[in-house]
Amino acid sequence: MAFWDKLIRGKDPNRVDYYNEGVDLLQSGKFHESLTSFRLALKESPGDAVVLQQIAICYTRIGMIEEAAKTYRHVLQKDSSSAGAHYGLAFILLRSEQHMEAIEHLQAFLSHAPSGPDAGEHVDHARRTLAQLRGESHDAPAEMPPPNELF
């Protein structure tokens, strides 16, 4: 069947799916390798916001915070309603104690929040953090997103 797929649909059965490879590597903690796979995926699909967000997550995980913020901002220039970019950027801003800008991005995330079953944890985390930043809670604001980022 692979022959027919290649002939009819142009699918190459030997082609590497760099995006999924990057996701698998990211989940296994191989951040530099994951970054390489996502960069290759971006070559195949230039400007893809989902791939760019995964690259920003890799940058965050390996400590390249400025590059991560720059990448999230690039995504937001392309799509100002990108929930994942708002979420990631908000927590980067919290790290650098830019609370007012973080609040803006948390609000933007919540106004465009994803509704899937896995998104609930992130939506709740954003709401709690926003409440803490607004002084509606006595706990210190959370600085890091949950460990299993979706965006």
C-alpha atoms as a PDB file:
ATOM      1  CA  MET A   1       0.000   0.000   0.000  1.00  0.00           C
ATOM      2  CA  ALA A   2       2.936   2.355   0.610  1.00  0.00           C
ATOM      3  CA  PHE A   3       3.714   2.278  -3.101  1.00  0.00           C
ATOM      4  CA  TRP A   4       0.177   3.449  -3.935  1.00  0.00           C
ATOM      5  CA  ASP A   5       0.325   6.132  -1.242  1.00  0.00           C
ATOM      6  CA  LYS A   6       3.532   7.451  -2.744  1.00  0.00           C
ATOM      7  CA  LEU A   7       2.204   7.273  -6.274  1.00  0.00           C
ATOM      8  CA  ILE A   8      -1.235   8.716  -5.617  1.00  0.00           C
ATOM      9  CA  ARG A   9      -0.720  11.019  -2.643  1.00  0.00           C
ATOM     10  CA  GLY A  10       2.988  11.721  -2.913  1.00  0.00           C
ATOM     11  CA  LYS A  11       3.752  10.172   0.479  1.00  0.00           C
ATOM     12  CA  ASP A  12       7.257   8.867   0.982  1.00  0.00           C
ATOM     13  CA  PRO A  13       7.173   5.912   3.408  1.00  0.00           C
ATOM     14  CA  ASN A  14      10.831   6.525   4.275  1.00  0.00           C
ATOM     15  CA  ARG A  15      10.252  10.180   5.165  1.00  0.00           C
ATOM     16  CA  VAL A  16      10.945  11.098   8.786  1.00  0.00           C
ATOM     17  CA  ASP A  17       8.185  12.874  10.681  1.00  0.00           C
ATOM     18  CA  TYR A  18      10.424  15.413  12.389  1.00  0.00           C
ATOM     19  CA  TYR A  19       7.605  17.012  14.363  1.00  0.00           C
ATOM     20  CA  ASN A  20       6.500  13.794  16.066  1.00  0.00           C
ATOM     21  CA  GLU A  21      10.122  12.789  16.545  1.00  0.00           C
ATOM     22  CA  GLY A  22      10.681  16.137  18.288  1.00  0.00           C
ATOM     23  CA  VAL A  23       7.656  15.625  20.530  1.00  0.00           C
ATOM     24  CA  ASP A  24       8.879  12.169  21.540  1.00  0.00           C
ATOM     25  CA  LEU A  25      12.374  13.479  22.272  1.00  0.00           C
ATOM     26  CA  LEU A  26      10.981  16.409  24.258  1.00  0.00           C
ATOM     27  CA  GLN A  27       8.847  14.082  26.365  1.00  0.00           C
ATOM     28  CA  SER A  28      11.874  11.912  27.085  1.00  0.00           C
ATOM     29  CA  GLY A  29      13.921  14.901  28.244  1.00  0.00           C
ATOM     30  CA  LYS A  30      16.246  15.042  25.243  1.00  0.00           C
ATOM     31  CA  PHE A  31      15.830  18.764  24.731  1.00  0.00           C
ATOM     32  CA  HIS A  32      18.742  19.503  22.383  1.00  0.00           C
ATOM     33  CA  GLU A  33      17.860  16.569  20.147  1.00  0.00           C
ATOM     34  CA  SER A  34      14.232  17.635  20.212  1.00  0.00           C
ATOM     35  CA  LEU A  35      15.215  21.152  19.182  1.00  0.00           C
ATOM     36  CA  THR A  36      17.080  19.745  16.182  1.00  0.00           C
ATOM     37  CA  SER A  37      14.027  17.733  15.105  1.00  0.00           C
ATOM     38  CA  PHE A  38      11.727  20.731  15.465  1.00  0.00           C
ATOM     39  CA  ARG A  39      14.104  22.879  13.421  1.00  0.00           C
ATOM     40  CA  LEU A  40      13.989  20.250  10.669  1.00  0.00           C
ATOM     41  CA  ALA A  41      10.187  20.202  10.906  1.00  0.00           C
ATOM     42  CA  LEU A  42      10.202  23.988  10.577  1.00  0.00           C
ATOM     43  CA  LYS A  43      12.252  23.695   7.376  1.00  0.00           C
ATOM     44  CA  GLU A  44       9.484  21.508   5.953  1.00  0.00           C
ATOM     45  CA  SER A  45       6.767  23.862   7.144  1.00  0.00           C
ATOM     46  CA  PRO A  46       8.229  27.378   7.454  1.00  0.00           C
ATOM     47  CA  GLY A  47       6.483  29.625   9.948  1.00  0.00           C
ATOM     48  CA  ASP A  48       4.347  26.845  11.441  1.00  0.00           C
ATOM     49  CA  ALA A  49       3.133  28.268  14.762  1.00  0.00           C
ATOM     50  CA  VAL A  50       2.802  24.866  16.431  1.00  0.00           C
ATOM     51  CA  VAL A  51       6.379  23.939  15.570  1.00  0.00           C
ATOM     52  CA  LEU A  52       7.613  27.360  16.689  1.00  0.00           C
ATOM     53  CA  GLN A  53       5.879  26.916  20.048  1.00  0.00           C
ATOM     54  CA  GLN A  54       7.557  23.551  20.509  1.00  0.00           C
ATOM     55  CA  ILE A  55      10.893  25.198  19.718  1.00  0.00           C
ATOM     56  CA  ALA A  56      10.148  27.825  22.374  1.00  0.00           C
ATOM     57  CA  ILE A  57       9.415  25.058  24.895  1.00  0.00           C
ATOM     58  CA  CYS A  58      12.773  23.453  24.058  1.00  0.00           C
ATOM     59  CA  TYR A  59      14.538  26.777  24.489  1.00  0.00           C
ATOM     60  CA  THR A  60      12.873  27.188  27.878  1.00  0.00           C
ATOM     61  CA  ARG A  61      13.860  23.717  29.011  1.00  0.00           C
ATOM     62  CA  ILE A  62      17.525  24.200  28.078  1.00  0.00           C
ATOM     63  CA  GLY A  63      17.679  27.648  29.675  1.00  0.00           C
ATOM     64  CA  MET A  64      17.622  29.807  26.550  1.00  0.00           C
ATOM     65  CA  ILE A  65      14.912  32.006  28.024  1.00  0.00           C
ATOM     66  CA  GLU A  66      15.478  35.046  25.801  1.00  0.00           C
ATOM     67  CA  GLU A  67      15.254  32.894  22.675  1.00  0.00           C
ATOM     68  CA  ALA A  68      12.085  31.269  24.005  1.00  0.00           C
ATOM     69  CA  ALA A  69      10.470  34.664  24.640  1.00  0.00           C
ATOM     70  CA  LYS A  70      11.537  35.882  21.202  1.00  0.00           C
ATOM     71  CA  THR A  71      10.035  32.780  19.592  1.00  0.00           C
ATOM     72  CA  TYR A  72       6.739  33.122  21.478  1.00  0.00           C
ATOM     73  CA  ARG A  73       6.558  36.794  20.459  1.00  0.00           C
ATOM     74  CA  HIS A  74       7.184  35.772  16.840  1.00  0.00           C
ATOM     75  CA  VAL A  75       4.233  33.377  17.037  1.00  0.00           C
ATOM     76  CA  LEU A  76       2.065  36.138  18.521  1.00  0.00           C
ATOM     77  CA  GLN A  77       2.990  38.486  15.663  1.00  0.00           C
ATOM     78  CA  LYS A  78       1.631  35.873  13.269  1.00  0.00           C
ATOM     79  CA  ASP A  79      -1.400  34.976  15.404  1.00  0.00           C
ATOM     80  CA  SER A  80      -2.234  37.237  18.332  1.00  0.00           C
ATOM     81  CA  SER A  81      -4.770  34.723  19.651  1.00  0.00           C
ATOM     82  CA  SER A  82      -2.269  31.859  20.031  1.00  0.00           C
ATOM     83  CA  ALA A  83      -3.134  30.494  23.463  1.00  0.00           C
ATOM     84  CA  GLY A  84       0.042  28.435  23.757  1.00  0.00           C
ATOM     85  CA  ALA A  85       2.309  31.379  22.996  1.00  0.00           C
ATOM     86  CA  HIS A  86       0.502  33.581  25.528  1.00  0.00           C
ATOM     87  CA  TYR A  87       0.766  30.849  28.150  1.00  0.00           C
ATOM     88  CA  GLY A  88       4.470  30.181  27.627  1.00  0.00           C
ATOM     89  CA  LEU A  89       5.384  33.847  27.425  1.00  0.00           C
ATOM     90  CA  ALA A  90       3.416  34.660  30.582  1.00  0.00           C
ATOM     91  CA  PHE A  91       5.480  32.257  32.661  1.00  0.00           C
ATOM     92  CA  ILE A  92       8.741  33.475  31.157  1.00  0.00           C
ATOM     93  CA  LEU A  93       7.731  37.008  32.102  1.00  0.00           C
ATOM     94  CA  LEU A  94       6.952  35.870  35.634  1.00  0.00           C
ATOM     95  CA  ARG A  95      10.490  34.515  35.938  1.00  0.00           C
ATOM     96  CA  SER A  96      11.868  37.938  35.134  1.00  0.00           C
ATOM     97  CA  GLU A  97       9.344  39.590  37.480  1.00  0.00           C
ATOM     98  CA  GLN A  98       7.509  41.406  34.693  1.00  0.00           C
ATOM     99  CA  HIS A  99       4.192  40.815  36.412  1.00  0.00           C
ATOM    100  CA  MET A 100       2.058  43.369  34.575  1.00  0.00           C
ATOM    101  CA  GLU A 101       2.958  41.995  31.159  1.00  0.00           C
ATOM    102  CA  ALA A 102       2.552  38.442  32.471  1.00  0.00           C
ATOM    103  CA  ILE A 103      -0.961  39.337  33.627  1.00  0.00           C
ATOM    104  CA  GLU A 104      -1.806  40.581  30.122  1.00  0.00           C
ATOM    105  CA  HIS A 105      -0.647  37.308  28.577  1.00  0.00           C
ATOM    106  CA  LEU A 106      -2.446  35.169  31.150  1.00  0.00           C
ATOM    107  CA  GLN A 107      -5.647  37.090  30.415  1.00  0.00           C
ATOM    108  CA  ALA A 108      -5.109  36.633  26.679  1.00  0.00           C
ATOM    109  CA  PHE A 109      -4.499  32.913  27.214  1.00  0.00           C
ATOM    110  CA  LEU A 110      -7.691  32.568  29.234  1.00  0.00           C
ATOM    111  CA  SER A 111      -9.717  34.486  26.642  1.00  0.00           C
ATOM    112  CA  HIS A 112      -8.537  32.015  23.960  1.00  0.00           C
ATOM    113  CA  ALA A 113      -8.080  28.979  26.204  1.00  0.00           C
ATOM    114  CA  PRO A 114      -8.174  25.571  24.565  1.00  0.00           C
ATOM    115  CA  SER A 115     -11.049  23.340  25.580  1.00  0.00           C
ATOM    116  CA  GLY A 116      -9.629  19.856  25.116  1.00  0.00           C
ATOM    117  CA  PRO A 117      -9.500  17.347  27.961  1.00  0.00           C
ATOM    118  CA  ASP A 118      -5.767  17.863  28.512  1.00  0.00           C
ATOM    119  CA  ALA A 119      -6.090  21.656  28.577  1.00  0.00           C
ATOM    120  CA  GLY A 120      -7.917  21.849  31.902  1.00  0.00           C
ATOM    121  CA  GLU A 121      -4.737  21.584  33.964  1.00  0.00           C
ATOM    122  CA  HIS A 122      -3.202  24.535  32.121  1.00  0.00           C
ATOM    123  CA  VAL A 123      -6.336  26.639  32.277  1.00  0.00           C
ATOM    124  CA  ASP A 124      -6.614  26.036  36.032  1.00  0.00           C
ATOM    125  CA  HIS A 125      -2.922  26.824  36.489  1.00  0.00           C
ATOM    126  CA  ALA A 126      -3.298  30.090  34.558  1.00  0.00           C
ATOM    127  CA  ARG A 127      -6.384  31.072  36.586  1.00  0.00           C
ATOM    128  CA  ARG A 128      -4.646  30.348  39.908  1.00  0.00           C
ATOM    129  CA  THR A 129      -1.537  32.252  38.878  1.00  0.00           C
ATOM    130  CA  LEU A 130      -3.572  35.212  37.650  1.00  0.00           C
ATOM    131  CA  ALA A 131      -5.538  35.295  40.916  1.00  0.00           C
ATOM    132  CA  GLN A 132      -2.281  35.240  42.884  1.00  0.00           C
ATOM    133  CA  LEU A 133      -0.824  38.073  40.822  1.00  0.00           C
ATOM    134  CA  ARG A 134      -3.954  40.135  41.359  1.00  0.00           C
ATOM    135  CA  GLY A 135      -3.719  39.578  45.095  1.00  0.00           C
ATOM    136  CA  GLU A 136      -6.805  37.403  45.241  1.00  0.00           C
ATOM    137  CA  SER A 137      -4.772  34.660  46.902  1.00  0.00           C
ATOM    138  CA  HIS A 138      -2.125  34.741  49.631  1.00  0.00           C
ATOM    139  CA  ASP A 139       0.233  32.227  47.994  1.00  0.00           C
ATOM    140  CA  ALA A 140       3.211  33.325  45.923  1.00  0.00           C
ATOM    141  CA  PRO A 141       2.586  33.209  42.163  1.00  0.00           C
ATOM    142  CA  ALA A 142       3.609  30.060  40.362  1.00  0.00           C
ATOM    143  CA  GLU A 143       6.679  30.655  38.246  1.00  0.00           C
ATOM    144  CA  MET A 144       6.735  27.543  36.097  1.00  0.00           C
ATOM    145  CA  PRO A 145       4.004  25.956  34.023  1.00  0.00           C
ATOM    146  CA  PRO A 146       3.027  22.371  34.787  1.00  0.00           C
ATOM    147  CA  PRO A 147       5.672  19.843  33.712  1.00  0.00           C
ATOM    148  CA  ASN A 148       3.725  18.376  30.801  1.00  0.00           C
ATOM    149  CA  GLU A 149       3.155  21.392  28.583  1.00  0.00           C
ATOM    150  CA  LEU A 150       0.640  20.964  25.808  1.00  0.00           C
ATOM    151  CA  PHE A 151       1.500  23.946  23.665  1.00  0.00           C
END
